[in-house]
């Protein structure tokens, strides 16, 4: 994807003028369609929040669709492995590498486009990308094609999240931004739960029929998912692009100005990146390997746990989004330096014991610990997103969110699942998958606590 902007679209700025010196001039919204700017800094943001609910719900629905398609293969991977004679290592590449590569290559360019172009059109295009990826998953006859199909699903969903967060931040005033991003995050959580519940339901539907039209059940499920995804694109056509707010230098500021402003925030962004990346490592490894662990260590078939697993992920996602959203808004009111991030520190600490879920002695304890891990991960993710939309200027948000997604995707999806298989092999083979997953999750959760604490101490005043 090209990130180049035509020269006639870039408004020149004097090279010697620092970004902060133009702040007073650039507080007004850019010339996008008006979005009631008078409410953006209202002392009481609640009425503005309720007026913004319809577009926020449309964005949430889009995220639910995207993350269902992105995570759908986890539920059917054992069937695909058997049909295509894949090893655990190949599965880790299809599940982890296929998510990490597009996140690394496309998240930053998409973030730049989010900062500089029409975000709603970009979001619609990305939703079509994940739909095509889901369809190709059903059609894949080789591991490379399956890898490419899962890449497309990852590109669409992850890129769309960047656009949705940027849009939602401009739909609501800063004082209600935690609640606004809560709505979008609920959509993401619904999608993560739907990846298990909806895909598992479809798989159970097609298993007695042995698929449809000579397609295996896991393929038939993805044909159905692609049709559902295409239908869920339509509500986005009802939205309009909101005006951009809290713009300091303009969305077409020269790159040297943008990069200089990012560099001034490195002491804060560095540990914030590290904290969220390590949380993603634990969550990605858990979401990818939880299903095989239940099958291998607890003797359950996918239809046995699809329903409760999907419900668990959805409910903990909802709970984490609610806790994270209100924790972020409360943290802003505390007036403490970095208080917005206090919820992330507490949630990261809670993830340490929860990461032991794959070695729990019973399935209920497995579910309880896994749910706690996912809840904590949702809290930290939402708090981090709010921090970026509140503490970072508008013209840098997409770039920062894209960079977060790229780095977290590379490490979380690219390194973490394969690291689990490497430790499993070192411990004695595939039968030690659960122990290896617990080792990785606990170690990275410890790192995340210290990183978020440093980010809180170094947050901009």
Protein backbone atom coordinates (compact mmCIF):
# COMPACT_ATOMS: atom_id res chain seq x y z
CA UNK A 1 0.00 0.00 0.00
CA UNK A 2 1.39 3.41 -0.97
CA UNK A 3 1.64 6.08 1.70
CA UNK A 4 2.80 8.85 -0.64
CA UNK A 5 0.80 12.09 -0.64
CA UNK A 6 0.63 14.29 -3.72
CA UNK A 7 2.57 17.52 -3.42
CA UNK A 8 -0.47 19.72 -4.01
CA UNK A 9 -2.14 18.28 -0.90
CA UNK A 10 0.68 19.18 1.49
CA UNK A 11 0.48 22.65 3.00
CA UNK A 12 3.97 24.03 3.53
CA UNK A 13 5.06 25.16 6.96
CA UNK A 14 8.11 27.22 7.79
CA UNK A 15 10.83 24.81 8.87
CA UNK A 16 11.90 26.91 11.81
CA UNK A 17 8.44 27.18 13.37
CA UNK A 18 8.08 24.63 16.21
CA UNK A 19 4.89 22.68 16.56
CA UNK A 20 3.98 24.21 19.89
CA UNK A 21 4.11 27.76 18.49
CA UNK A 22 1.16 27.10 16.19
CA UNK A 23 -0.97 25.44 18.82
CA UNK A 24 -3.14 28.47 19.45
CA UNK A 25 -3.91 28.85 15.74
CA UNK A 26 -4.72 25.23 15.10
CA UNK A 27 -7.14 24.38 17.86
CA UNK A 28 -10.05 24.78 15.44
CA UNK A 29 -11.30 21.77 13.52
CA UNK A 30 -10.06 21.10 10.00
CA UNK A 31 -12.35 21.54 7.03
CA UNK A 32 -14.00 18.14 7.19
CA UNK A 33 -17.82 18.07 7.42
CA UNK A 34 -18.90 19.88 10.63
CA UNK A 35 -19.45 17.82 13.75
CA UNK A 36 -20.84 20.29 16.30
CA UNK A 37 -17.46 21.54 17.58
CA UNK A 38 -19.10 23.64 20.24
CA UNK A 39 -19.77 20.52 22.28
CA UNK A 40 -16.22 19.22 22.22
CA UNK A 41 -15.11 21.14 25.29
CA UNK A 42 -18.42 21.41 27.09
CA UNK A 43 -18.23 21.35 30.92
CA UNK A 44 -20.83 18.59 30.83
CA UNK A 45 -19.84 16.09 28.11
CA UNK A 46 -22.66 13.63 28.83
CA UNK A 47 -25.24 15.06 26.35
CA UNK A 48 -22.60 15.09 23.60
CA UNK A 49 -21.75 11.48 24.40
CA UNK A 50 -25.36 10.36 24.03
CA UNK A 51 -25.73 12.24 20.75
CA UNK A 52 -22.65 10.42 19.51
CA UNK A 53 -23.99 6.96 20.35
CA UNK A 54 -25.43 6.07 16.89
CA UNK A 55 -22.13 6.50 14.99
CA UNK A 56 -20.21 4.91 17.86
CA UNK A 57 -22.48 1.86 17.68
CA UNK A 58 -21.92 1.59 13.92
CA UNK A 59 -18.16 1.65 14.52
CA UNK A 60 -18.57 -0.98 17.24
CA UNK A 61 -20.50 -3.21 14.83
CA UNK A 62 -17.73 -2.87 12.26
CA UNK A 63 -15.12 -3.83 14.85
CA UNK A 64 -17.22 -6.82 15.90
CA UNK A 65 -17.26 -8.02 12.30
CA UNK A 66 -13.56 -7.42 11.71
CA UNK A 67 -12.30 -9.14 14.83
CA UNK A 68 -14.64 -12.08 14.33
CA UNK A 69 -13.10 -12.62 10.90
CA UNK A 70 -9.57 -12.05 12.20
CA UNK A 71 -9.90 -14.64 14.97
CA UNK A 72 -12.21 -17.14 13.27
CA UNK A 73 -9.48 -19.59 12.30
CA UNK A 74 -8.59 -20.35 15.93
CA UNK A 75 -11.82 -22.30 16.32
CA UNK A 76 -11.28 -24.48 13.24
CA UNK A 77 -7.50 -24.85 13.19
CA UNK A 78 -7.49 -28.48 14.32
CA UNK A 79 -9.75 -29.46 11.40
CA UNK A 80 -7.62 -27.48 8.96
CA UNK A 81 -4.47 -29.01 10.40
CA UNK A 82 -5.81 -32.52 9.80
CA UNK A 83 -7.03 -31.82 6.26
CA UNK A 84 -3.90 -29.97 5.14
CA UNK A 85 -1.43 -32.11 7.16
CA UNK A 86 0.06 -29.11 8.96
CA UNK A 87 2.45 -29.23 11.92
CA UNK A 88 2.15 -27.06 15.05
CA UNK A 89 4.94 -24.90 13.66
CA UNK A 90 3.01 -24.30 10.44
CA UNK A 91 -0.09 -23.53 12.49
CA UNK A 92 1.89 -21.00 14.52
CA UNK A 93 2.92 -19.28 11.27
CA UNK A 94 -0.62 -19.23 9.89
CA UNK A 95 -2.05 -18.00 13.18
CA UNK A 96 0.82 -15.83 14.42
CA UNK A 97 3.01 -14.92 11.46
CA UNK A 98 0.07 -14.23 9.17
CA UNK A 99 -1.14 -11.68 11.72
CA UNK A 100 2.28 -10.25 12.55
CA UNK A 101 3.55 -9.65 8.99
CA UNK A 102 0.67 -7.43 7.85
CA UNK A 103 0.62 -5.62 11.20
CA UNK A 104 4.30 -4.85 10.80
CA UNK A 105 4.14 -3.82 7.14
CA UNK A 106 0.79 -2.04 6.96
CA UNK A 107 -0.17 -0.67 10.40
CA UNK A 108 2.08 2.39 10.27
CA UNK A 109 1.20 3.28 6.65
CA UNK A 110 -2.49 2.86 7.47
CA UNK A 111 -2.00 5.01 10.58
CA UNK A 112 -0.46 7.73 8.43
CA UNK A 113 -3.40 7.54 6.03
CA UNK A 114 -5.79 7.79 8.98
CA UNK A 115 -4.06 11.02 10.05
CA UNK A 116 -4.15 12.58 6.59
CA UNK A 117 -7.04 11.18 4.52
CA UNK A 118 -10.80 10.55 4.72
CA UNK A 119 -11.04 8.01 7.53
CA UNK A 120 -14.52 6.68 6.86
CA UNK A 121 -13.75 5.73 3.26
CA UNK A 122 -10.57 4.07 4.45
CA UNK A 123 -12.54 2.10 7.05
CA UNK A 124 -15.01 0.85 4.43
CA UNK A 125 -12.14 -0.26 2.20
CA UNK A 126 -10.48 -2.14 5.05
CA UNK A 127 -13.73 -3.91 5.89
CA UNK A 128 -13.80 -5.24 2.34
CA UNK A 129 -10.21 -6.43 2.78
CA UNK A 130 -11.03 -8.59 5.82
CA UNK A 131 -14.13 -9.92 4.03
CA UNK A 132 -12.02 -11.05 1.06
CA UNK A 133 -9.51 -12.62 3.48
CA UNK A 134 -12.31 -14.62 5.12
CA UNK A 135 -13.55 -15.85 1.74
CA UNK A 136 -10.04 -16.87 0.66
CA UNK A 137 -9.62 -18.76 3.94
CA UNK A 138 -12.50 -20.98 2.88
CA UNK A 139 -11.04 -21.45 -0.60
CA UNK A 140 -7.37 -22.04 0.32
CA UNK A 141 -5.90 -25.32 -0.92
CA UNK A 142 -2.32 -24.81 0.29
CA UNK A 143 -0.57 -23.42 3.35
CA UNK A 144 0.85 -20.35 1.49
CA UNK A 145 -2.62 -19.39 0.22
CA UNK A 146 -4.08 -19.90 3.69
CA UNK A 147 -1.27 -17.75 5.10
CA UNK A 148 -2.12 -14.97 2.63
CA UNK A 149 -5.82 -15.19 3.41
CA UNK A 150 -5.21 -14.81 7.13
CA UNK A 151 -2.89 -11.89 6.36
CA UNK A 152 -5.72 -10.07 4.60
CA UNK A 153 -8.04 -10.64 7.55
CA UNK A 154 -5.38 -9.22 9.87
CA UNK A 155 -4.67 -6.20 7.67
CA UNK A 156 -8.35 -5.30 7.47
CA UNK A 157 -9.23 -5.69 11.14
CA UNK A 158 -6.11 -4.11 12.64
CA UNK A 159 -6.09 -1.19 10.21
CA UNK A 160 -9.79 -0.61 10.76
CA UNK A 161 -9.22 -0.40 14.52
CA UNK A 162 -6.84 2.52 13.98
CA UNK A 163 -9.42 4.34 11.85
CA UNK A 164 -12.25 3.57 14.28
CA UNK A 165 -10.32 4.87 17.30
CA UNK A 166 -9.45 8.08 15.47
CA UNK A 167 -13.05 8.59 14.38
CA UNK A 168 -14.48 7.88 17.83
CA UNK A 169 -12.05 10.33 19.45
CA UNK A 170 -13.41 13.14 17.27
CA UNK A 171 -17.03 12.16 17.80
CA UNK A 172 -16.86 12.79 21.59
CA UNK A 173 -15.23 15.46 23.80
CA UNK A 174 -12.02 14.53 25.67
CA UNK A 175 -13.81 14.27 29.02
CA UNK A 176 -16.02 11.47 27.64
CA UNK A 177 -13.41 9.83 25.45
CA UNK A 178 -12.97 6.86 27.74
CA UNK A 179 -16.67 6.06 27.36
CA UNK A 180 -16.52 6.62 23.60
CA UNK A 181 -13.63 4.23 23.14
CA UNK A 182 -15.41 1.88 25.52
CA UNK A 183 -18.20 1.49 22.94
CA UNK A 184 -15.75 0.73 20.13
CA UNK A 185 -13.80 -1.65 22.34
CA UNK A 186 -17.03 -3.46 23.19
CA UNK A 187 -17.39 -4.11 19.48
CA UNK A 188 -13.88 -5.49 19.35
CA UNK A 189 -14.61 -7.69 22.36
CA UNK A 190 -17.83 -8.90 20.76
CA UNK A 191 -15.80 -9.84 17.70
CA UNK A 192 -13.20 -11.70 19.73
CA UNK A 193 -15.97 -13.64 21.44
CA UNK A 194 -17.75 -14.11 18.13
CA UNK A 195 -14.61 -15.63 16.65
CA UNK A 196 -15.23 -18.57 19.00
CA UNK A 197 -19.01 -18.51 19.46
CA UNK A 198 -20.17 -17.75 15.91
CA UNK A 199 -17.47 -19.81 14.22
CA UNK A 200 -18.04 -22.67 16.64
CA UNK A 201 -21.80 -22.52 16.07
CA UNK A 202 -21.32 -22.57 12.30
CA UNK A 203 -18.83 -25.43 12.62
CA UNK A 204 -21.30 -27.41 14.70
CA UNK A 205 -23.99 -26.66 12.12
CA UNK A 206 -21.94 -27.97 9.23
CA UNK A 207 -20.24 -30.93 10.98
CA UNK A 208 -23.28 -33.26 10.71
CA UNK A 209 -23.60 -32.26 7.06
CA UNK A 210 -19.87 -32.80 6.48
CA UNK A 211 -19.68 -29.32 5.04
CA UNK A 212 -21.47 -28.00 1.98
CA UNK A 213 -20.81 -28.51 -1.73
CA UNK A 214 -17.90 -30.86 -1.00
CA UNK A 215 -16.29 -28.25 1.26
CA UNK A 216 -15.05 -29.38 4.68
CA UNK A 217 -17.01 -28.02 7.68
CA UNK A 218 -14.28 -25.51 8.57
CA UNK A 219 -14.36 -24.19 5.01
CA UNK A 220 -18.16 -24.04 4.96
CA UNK A 221 -18.07 -22.02 8.18
CA UNK A 222 -15.79 -19.46 6.55
CA UNK A 223 -17.98 -19.18 3.47
CA UNK A 224 -20.85 -18.28 5.79
CA UNK A 225 -18.68 -15.85 7.76
CA UNK A 226 -17.69 -14.03 4.55
CA UNK A 227 -21.35 -13.53 3.67
CA UNK A 228 -22.09 -12.19 7.17
CA UNK A 229 -19.12 -9.83 6.96
CA UNK A 230 -20.22 -8.41 3.62
CA UNK A 231 -23.66 -7.61 5.07
CA UNK A 232 -22.16 -5.86 8.10
CA UNK A 233 -20.27 -3.38 5.89
CA UNK A 234 -23.54 -1.69 4.90
CA UNK A 235 -24.19 0.33 8.12
CA UNK A 236 -20.90 2.21 7.58
CA UNK A 237 -22.52 3.86 4.57
CA UNK A 238 -24.86 5.68 6.97
CA UNK A 239 -22.01 7.54 8.70
CA UNK A 240 -20.26 10.76 7.77
CA UNK A 241 -16.72 11.91 8.47
CA UNK A 242 -16.50 13.99 11.69
CA UNK A 243 -14.37 17.11 11.99
CA UNK A 244 -10.90 16.69 13.48
CA UNK A 245 -10.25 18.29 16.86
CA UNK A 246 -7.13 19.05 18.96
CA UNK A 247 -5.03 19.58 15.84
CA UNK A 248 -1.77 21.34 16.69
CA UNK A 249 0.08 21.66 13.39
CA UNK A 250 -2.49 20.57 10.81
CA UNK A 251 -2.94 17.16 9.23
CA UNK A 252 -0.54 18.05 6.39
CA UNK A 253 2.33 19.28 8.56
CA UNK A 254 5.84 18.51 7.20
CA UNK A 255 7.29 15.19 8.29
CA UNK A 256 10.21 16.79 10.12
CA UNK A 257 7.68 18.61 12.32
CA UNK A 258 5.66 15.45 12.99
CA UNK A 259 8.71 13.33 13.78
CA UNK A 260 10.20 16.03 16.00
CA UNK A 261 7.02 16.13 18.06
CA UNK A 262 7.04 12.35 18.39
CA UNK A 263 10.67 12.44 19.50
CA UNK A 264 9.86 14.90 22.29
CA UNK A 265 7.45 12.31 23.70
CA UNK A 266 9.82 9.33 23.53
CA UNK A 267 10.27 9.01 27.31
CA UNK A 268 6.52 8.46 27.63
CA UNK A 269 5.81 6.51 24.44
CA UNK A 270 8.71 4.04 24.89
CA UNK A 271 7.52 2.37 28.11
CA UNK A 272 3.90 2.70 27.01
CA UNK A 273 4.78 0.73 23.86
CA UNK A 274 6.62 -1.89 25.90
CA UNK A 275 3.78 -2.29 28.39
CA UNK A 276 1.11 -2.79 25.76
CA UNK A 277 3.28 -5.02 23.56
CA UNK A 278 3.94 -7.44 26.41
CA UNK A 279 0.24 -7.54 27.26
CA UNK A 280 -0.51 -8.38 23.62
CA UNK A 281 2.08 -11.17 23.79
CA UNK A 282 0.21 -12.84 26.64
CA UNK A 283 -3.22 -12.30 25.09
CA UNK A 284 -2.21 -13.40 21.58
CA UNK A 285 -0.59 -16.58 22.80
CA UNK A 286 -3.64 -17.35 24.95
CA UNK A 287 -6.18 -16.73 22.16
CA UNK A 288 -4.23 -18.84 19.66
CA UNK A 289 -3.34 -21.81 21.86
CA UNK A 290 -6.30 -21.99 24.29
CA UNK A 291 -8.33 -24.15 21.92
CA UNK A 292 -5.56 -26.73 21.29
CA UNK A 293 -4.79 -26.88 25.03
CA UNK A 294 -8.43 -27.64 25.80
CA UNK A 295 -8.40 -30.40 23.20
CA UNK A 296 -5.06 -31.94 24.12
CA UNK A 297 -4.85 -31.45 27.88
CA UNK A 298 -8.52 -31.59 28.88
CA UNK A 299 -9.91 -33.91 26.18
CA UNK A 300 -12.57 -31.51 24.87
CA UNK A 301 -13.73 -31.24 21.26
CA UNK A 302 -14.34 -27.75 19.76
CA UNK A 303 -18.16 -27.99 19.93
CA UNK A 304 -17.79 -28.80 23.66
CA UNK A 305 -16.25 -25.43 24.50
CA UNK A 306 -17.17 -23.12 21.60
CA UNK A 307 -20.22 -21.66 23.34
CA UNK A 308 -18.77 -21.01 26.77
CA UNK A 309 -15.44 -19.87 25.35
CA UNK A 310 -17.11 -17.31 23.12
CA UNK A 311 -19.33 -16.12 25.96
CA UNK A 312 -16.35 -15.93 28.30
CA UNK A 313 -14.31 -13.81 25.90
CA UNK A 314 -17.24 -11.54 25.16
CA UNK A 315 -18.24 -11.02 28.80
CA UNK A 316 -14.69 -10.39 29.96
CA UNK A 317 -14.23 -8.07 27.01
CA UNK A 318 -17.34 -6.13 28.02
CA UNK A 319 -16.23 -6.03 31.64
CA UNK A 320 -12.72 -4.96 30.70
CA UNK A 321 -14.01 -2.26 28.37
CA UNK A 322 -16.33 -0.86 31.03
CA UNK A 323 -13.63 -0.95 33.70
CA UNK A 324 -11.02 0.51 31.36
CA UNK A 325 -13.27 3.27 30.04
CA UNK A 326 -14.37 4.50 33.44
CA UNK A 327 -10.88 4.03 34.89
CA UNK A 328 -9.45 6.23 32.13
CA UNK A 329 -12.07 8.98 32.63
CA UNK A 330 -11.59 8.78 36.41
CA UNK A 331 -7.83 8.94 36.00
CA UNK A 332 -8.13 12.17 34.02
CA UNK A 333 -10.20 13.71 36.81
CA UNK A 334 -7.62 12.74 39.43
CA UNK A 335 -5.24 15.46 38.14
CA UNK A 336 -2.35 13.18 39.07
CA UNK A 337 0.48 12.97 36.58
CA UNK A 338 -0.18 9.91 34.45
CA UNK A 339 -3.25 9.10 36.53
CA UNK A 340 -5.00 8.03 33.34
CA UNK A 341 -2.63 5.02 33.22
CA UNK A 342 -3.14 3.83 36.79
CA UNK A 343 -5.80 1.38 35.61
CA UNK A 344 -3.31 -0.15 33.17
CA UNK A 345 -0.78 -0.72 35.96
CA UNK A 346 -3.35 -2.47 38.16
CA UNK A 347 -4.70 -4.58 35.27
CA UNK A 348 -1.21 -5.63 34.17
CA UNK A 349 -0.47 -6.82 37.71
CA UNK A 350 -3.67 -8.86 37.69
CA UNK A 351 -2.51 -10.60 34.51
CA UNK A 352 0.44 -12.27 36.27
CA UNK A 353 -1.48 -14.99 38.18
CA UNK A 354 -4.13 -15.18 35.43
CA UNK A 355 -1.46 -16.24 32.92
CA UNK A 356 -1.30 -19.62 34.69
CA UNK A 357 -4.66 -20.62 33.18
CA UNK A 358 -3.29 -23.43 30.92
CA UNK A 359 -1.94 -25.40 33.91
CA UNK A 360 -5.07 -25.18 36.03
CA UNK A 361 -6.27 -28.60 37.29
CA UNK A 362 -9.88 -28.28 36.09
CA UNK A 363 -11.72 -26.72 33.17
CA UNK A 364 -13.69 -24.25 35.37
CA UNK A 365 -10.45 -22.93 36.86
CA UNK A 366 -8.96 -22.78 33.35
CA UNK A 367 -11.94 -20.66 32.26
CA UNK A 368 -11.78 -18.42 35.33
CA UNK A 369 -8.08 -17.64 34.90
CA UNK A 370 -8.33 -17.21 31.13
CA UNK A 371 -11.23 -14.82 31.59
CA UNK A 372 -9.24 -12.79 34.12
CA UNK A 373 -6.29 -12.59 31.71
CA UNK A 374 -8.49 -11.37 28.86
CA UNK A 375 -10.28 -8.89 31.12
CA UNK A 376 -6.97 -7.40 32.25
CA UNK A 377 -5.76 -7.23 28.65
CA UNK A 378 -8.89 -5.36 27.57
CA UNK A 379 -8.44 -2.83 30.38
CA UNK A 380 -4.83 -2.08 29.46
CA UNK A 381 -5.67 -1.86 25.76
CA UNK A 382 -8.49 0.60 26.30
CA UNK A 383 -6.54 2.74 28.76
CA UNK A 384 -3.61 2.86 26.34
CA UNK A 385 -5.91 3.91 23.49
CA UNK A 386 -7.45 6.67 25.58
CA UNK A 387 -3.99 7.86 26.61
CA UNK A 388 -3.00 8.19 22.96
CA UNK A 389 -6.13 10.14 22.02
CA UNK A 390 -5.87 12.50 25.02
CA UNK A 391 -2.12 13.01 25.41
CA UNK A 392 -1.12 12.96 21.72
CA UNK A 393 -2.17 15.60 19.12
CA UNK A 394 -4.72 14.59 16.47
CA UNK A 395 -2.24 14.59 13.58
CA UNK A 396 -0.02 12.08 15.43
CA UNK A 397 -2.69 9.69 16.73
CA UNK A 398 -3.08 7.45 13.72
CA UNK A 399 0.69 7.16 13.38
CA UNK A 400 1.09 6.31 17.06
CA UNK A 401 -1.78 3.82 17.10
CA UNK A 402 -0.50 2.28 13.86
CA UNK A 403 2.99 1.98 15.31
CA UNK A 404 1.58 0.39 18.46
CA UNK A 405 -0.36 -2.13 16.40
CA UNK A 406 2.64 -2.85 14.16
CA UNK A 407 5.10 -3.44 16.99
CA UNK A 408 2.60 -5.25 19.20
CA UNK A 409 1.54 -7.38 16.25
CA UNK A 410 5.10 -8.27 15.32
CA UNK A 411 6.01 -9.22 18.86
CA UNK A 412 2.64 -10.45 20.11
CA UNK A 413 1.49 -12.46 17.10
CA UNK A 414 4.82 -13.06 15.40
CA UNK A 415 7.05 -13.96 18.32
CA UNK A 416 4.75 -15.09 21.11
CA UNK A 417 3.00 -18.13 19.50
CA UNK A 418 6.25 -19.44 18.04
CA UNK A 419 8.03 -18.84 21.35
CA UNK A 420 5.41 -21.03 23.01
CA UNK A 421 6.09 -23.87 20.55
CA UNK A 422 9.85 -23.50 21.05
CA UNK A 423 9.53 -23.75 24.84
CA UNK A 424 7.11 -26.64 24.43
CA UNK A 425 9.68 -28.50 22.32
CA UNK A 426 12.40 -27.73 24.87
CA UNK A 427 10.19 -29.13 27.65
CA UNK A 428 9.71 -32.38 25.74
CA UNK A 429 7.21 -31.98 22.89
CA UNK A 430 3.72 -30.89 21.89
CA UNK A 431 2.18 -32.47 25.00
CA UNK A 432 3.81 -29.68 27.06
CA UNK A 433 2.00 -26.89 25.20
CA UNK A 434 0.08 -25.81 28.32
CA UNK A 435 3.19 -25.45 30.49
CA UNK A 436 4.99 -23.48 27.79
CA UNK A 437 2.01 -21.15 27.40
CA UNK A 438 2.00 -20.50 31.15
CA UNK A 439 5.74 -19.70 31.17
CA UNK A 440 5.44 -17.15 28.36
CA UNK A 441 2.31 -15.50 29.76
CA UNK A 442 3.69 -15.07 33.27
CA UNK A 443 7.05 -13.70 32.13
CA UNK A 444 5.66 -11.04 29.80
CA UNK A 445 3.01 -9.99 32.33
CA UNK A 446 5.76 -9.19 34.84
CA UNK A 447 7.46 -6.95 32.28
CA UNK A 448 4.21 -5.12 31.47
CA UNK A 449 3.70 -3.98 35.08
CA UNK A 450 7.06 -2.21 35.25
CA UNK A 451 6.64 -0.67 31.81
CA UNK A 452 3.22 0.84 32.52
CA UNK A 453 4.48 2.21 35.83
CA UNK A 454 7.32 4.00 34.02
CA UNK A 455 4.91 5.36 31.40
CA UNK A 456 2.67 6.73 34.14
CA UNK A 457 5.61 8.52 35.78
CA UNK A 458 6.72 10.03 32.46
CA UNK A 459 3.31 11.02 31.08
CA UNK A 460 3.03 14.56 29.61
CA UNK A 461 1.72 17.08 32.07
